[in-house]
Amino acid sequence: MESIVFKADKFNVRVVSRGDKYGLNFALTHNGIMPLVEFYDSRYPHTEFGQFVSRYYLDTIVNRDDRFGLSLDGGVTAWTVPAEAMAEVIRTLEKLVFVSA
């Protein structure tokens, strides 16, 4: 299965479904039922998606208040998804993931 990837602000957002590879050098296989959502900084080409920043369970993202941004790493201010982009991430995930389920 090919991963779902879309753009939000300067981040590439990737949905990791059951059976998808993830982690360092994509050496792990996701065996869980709940999809994962990864954020990559697209400005740095460390992987095909950019520099890995953070990973969350899908329900953690879609069940949050879309009026607020999300700090992906408290030590790097540039790694914050603005509120408008987070709202779009949530809407996109709801369309892509829940429609295809």
C-alpha atoms as a PDB file:
ATOM      1  CA  MET A   1       0.000   0.000   0.000  1.00  0.00           C
ATOM      2  CA  GLU A   2       1.318   3.430  -0.913  1.00  0.00           C
ATOM      3  CA  SER A   3       1.389   5.969   1.902  1.00  0.00           C
ATOM      4  CA  ILE A   4      -0.910   8.975   1.891  1.00  0.00           C
ATOM      5  CA  VAL A   5       1.221  12.141   1.863  1.00  0.00           C
ATOM      6  CA  PHE A   6       0.050  15.741   1.653  1.00  0.00           C
ATOM      7  CA  LYS A   7       1.448  19.232   2.250  1.00  0.00           C
ATOM      8  CA  ALA A   8       0.589  21.496   5.214  1.00  0.00           C
ATOM      9  CA  ASP A   9       2.551  24.733   5.504  1.00  0.00           C
ATOM     10  CA  LYS A  10       6.229  23.708   5.262  1.00  0.00           C
ATOM     11  CA  PHE A  11       5.493  20.167   6.392  1.00  0.00           C
ATOM     12  CA  ASN A  12       4.807  16.981   4.525  1.00  0.00           C
ATOM     13  CA  VAL A  13       2.213  15.002   6.448  1.00  0.00           C
ATOM     14  CA  ARG A  14       2.301  11.245   5.992  1.00  0.00           C
ATOM     15  CA  VAL A  15      -0.301   8.704   7.088  1.00  0.00           C
ATOM     16  CA  VAL A  16       1.276   5.403   8.100  1.00  0.00           C
ATOM     17  CA  SER A  17      -1.282   2.616   7.761  1.00  0.00           C
ATOM     18  CA  ARG A  18      -1.032  -0.980   8.907  1.00  0.00           C
ATOM     19  CA  GLY A  19       1.710  -2.690   6.875  1.00  0.00           C
ATOM     20  CA  ASP A  20       3.489   0.564   5.923  1.00  0.00           C
ATOM     21  CA  LYS A  21       7.197   1.009   6.633  1.00  0.00           C
ATOM     22  CA  TYR A  22       8.281   3.809   8.993  1.00  0.00           C
ATOM     23  CA  GLY A  23      11.036   4.762  11.426  1.00  0.00           C
ATOM     24  CA  LEU A  24      14.759   5.176  10.839  1.00  0.00           C
ATOM     25  CA  ASN A  25      15.525   4.123   7.257  1.00  0.00           C
ATOM     26  CA  PHE A  26      11.917   2.871   7.098  1.00  0.00           C
ATOM     27  CA  ALA A  27      13.067  -0.325   8.777  1.00  0.00           C
ATOM     28  CA  LEU A  28       9.956  -0.833  10.926  1.00  0.00           C
ATOM     29  CA  THR A  29       6.557  -2.115   9.812  1.00  0.00           C
ATOM     30  CA  HIS A  30       3.444  -0.609  11.382  1.00  0.00           C
ATOM     31  CA  ASN A  31       1.408  -3.512  12.749  1.00  0.00           C
ATOM     32  CA  GLY A  32      -1.055  -1.513  14.811  1.00  0.00           C
ATOM     33  CA  ILE A  33      -4.669  -0.947  13.904  1.00  0.00           C
ATOM     34  CA  MET A  34      -4.666   2.843  14.441  1.00  0.00           C
ATOM     35  CA  PRO A  35      -2.853   4.715  11.650  1.00  0.00           C
ATOM     36  CA  LEU A  36       0.037   7.009  12.536  1.00  0.00           C
ATOM     37  CA  VAL A  37       0.492  10.576  11.304  1.00  0.00           C
ATOM     38  CA  GLU A  38       4.056  11.761  10.674  1.00  0.00           C
ATOM     39  CA  PHE A  39       5.269  15.303  10.114  1.00  0.00           C
ATOM     40  CA  TYR A  40       8.362  16.001   8.000  1.00  0.00           C
ATOM     41  CA  ASP A  41      10.011  19.380   7.417  1.00  0.00           C
ATOM     42  CA  SER A  42       9.999  19.549   3.623  1.00  0.00           C
ATOM     43  CA  ARG A  43      12.866  22.081   3.556  1.00  0.00           C
ATOM     44  CA  TYR A  44      15.438  19.430   4.476  1.00  0.00           C
ATOM     45  CA  PRO A  45      15.718  16.394   2.142  1.00  0.00           C
ATOM     46  CA  HIS A  46      16.838  13.819   4.724  1.00  0.00           C
ATOM     47  CA  THR A  47      14.243  11.345   3.398  1.00  0.00           C
ATOM     48  CA  GLU A  48      11.920  11.311   0.400  1.00  0.00           C
ATOM     49  CA  PHE A  49       9.440  13.252   2.588  1.00  0.00           C
ATOM     50  CA  GLY A  50      11.908  15.655   4.235  1.00  0.00           C
ATOM     51  CA  GLN A  51      13.373  15.714   7.748  1.00  0.00           C
ATOM     52  CA  PHE A  52      11.356  13.651  10.177  1.00  0.00           C
ATOM     53  CA  VAL A  53      10.015  15.785  13.019  1.00  0.00           C
ATOM     54  CA  SER A  54       7.276  13.962  14.901  1.00  0.00           C
ATOM     55  CA  ARG A  55       4.726  11.127  14.854  1.00  0.00           C
ATOM     56  CA  TYR A  56       1.271  10.834  16.455  1.00  0.00           C
ATOM     57  CA  TYR A  57      -1.622   8.409  16.457  1.00  0.00           C
ATOM     58  CA  LEU A  58      -4.316   9.492  14.001  1.00  0.00           C
ATOM     59  CA  ASP A  59      -6.961   9.931  16.691  1.00  0.00           C
ATOM     60  CA  THR A  60      -4.658  12.272  18.637  1.00  0.00           C
ATOM     61  CA  ILE A  61      -4.613  14.623  15.643  1.00  0.00           C
ATOM     62  CA  VAL A  62      -8.223  14.449  14.480  1.00  0.00           C
ATOM     63  CA  ASN A  63      -9.667  14.731  17.991  1.00  0.00           C
ATOM     64  CA  ARG A  64      -7.879  17.979  18.849  1.00  0.00           C
ATOM     65  CA  ASP A  65      -9.247  21.502  18.699  1.00  0.00           C
ATOM     66  CA  ASP A  66      -8.571  22.806  15.197  1.00  0.00           C
ATOM     67  CA  ARG A  67      -8.396  26.425  16.392  1.00  0.00           C
ATOM     68  CA  PHE A  68      -4.851  25.917  17.653  1.00  0.00           C
ATOM     69  CA  GLY A  69      -1.496  25.133  16.095  1.00  0.00           C
ATOM     70  CA  LEU A  70       0.677  22.215  17.107  1.00  0.00           C
ATOM     71  CA  SER A  71       4.237  22.421  18.384  1.00  0.00           C
ATOM     72  CA  LEU A  72       5.977  19.359  16.962  1.00  0.00           C
ATOM     73  CA  ASP A  73       9.194  19.960  18.910  1.00  0.00           C
ATOM     74  CA  GLY A  74       9.346  22.412  21.805  1.00  0.00           C
ATOM     75  CA  GLY A  75      13.042  23.030  21.198  1.00  0.00           C
ATOM     76  CA  VAL A  76      12.650  24.166  17.578  1.00  0.00           C
ATOM     77  CA  THR A  77      10.233  27.062  17.115  1.00  0.00           C
ATOM     78  CA  ALA A  78      10.164  26.542  13.333  1.00  0.00           C
ATOM     79  CA  TRP A  79       8.620  23.127  13.926  1.00  0.00           C
ATOM     80  CA  THR A  80       5.203  24.436  14.823  1.00  0.00           C
ATOM     81  CA  VAL A  81       2.240  23.866  12.539  1.00  0.00           C
ATOM     82  CA  PRO A  82       0.168  27.084  12.504  1.00  0.00           C
ATOM     83  CA  ALA A  83      -3.518  26.937  13.489  1.00  0.00           C
ATOM     84  CA  GLU A  84      -4.768  27.422   9.920  1.00  0.00           C
ATOM     85  CA  ALA A  85      -2.552  24.617   8.636  1.00  0.00           C
ATOM     86  CA  MET A  86      -3.593  22.319  11.527  1.00  0.00           C
ATOM     87  CA  ALA A  87      -7.245  22.891  10.697  1.00  0.00           C
ATOM     88  CA  GLU A  88      -6.466  21.866   7.115  1.00  0.00           C
ATOM     89  CA  VAL A  89      -4.511  18.797   8.326  1.00  0.00           C
ATOM     90  CA  ILE A  90      -7.508  17.661  10.374  1.00  0.00           C
ATOM     91  CA  ARG A  91      -9.965  18.219   7.501  1.00  0.00           C
ATOM     92  CA  THR A  92      -7.688  16.418   5.046  1.00  0.00           C
ATOM     93  CA  LEU A  93      -7.157  13.453   7.378  1.00  0.00           C
ATOM     94  CA  GLU A  94     -10.894  13.152   7.957  1.00  0.00           C
ATOM     95  CA  LYS A  95     -11.505  13.097   4.194  1.00  0.00           C
ATOM     96  CA  LEU A  96      -8.621  10.845   3.183  1.00  0.00           C
ATOM     97  CA  VAL A  97      -8.570   8.339   5.991  1.00  0.00           C
ATOM     98  CA  PHE A  98     -12.147   8.020   7.111  1.00  0.00           C
ATOM     99  CA  VAL A  99     -13.600   8.030   3.594  1.00  0.00           C
ATOM    100  CA  SER A 100     -11.229   5.276   2.507  1.00  0.00           C
ATOM    101  CA  ALA A 101     -11.845   3.165   5.636  1.00  0.00           C
END
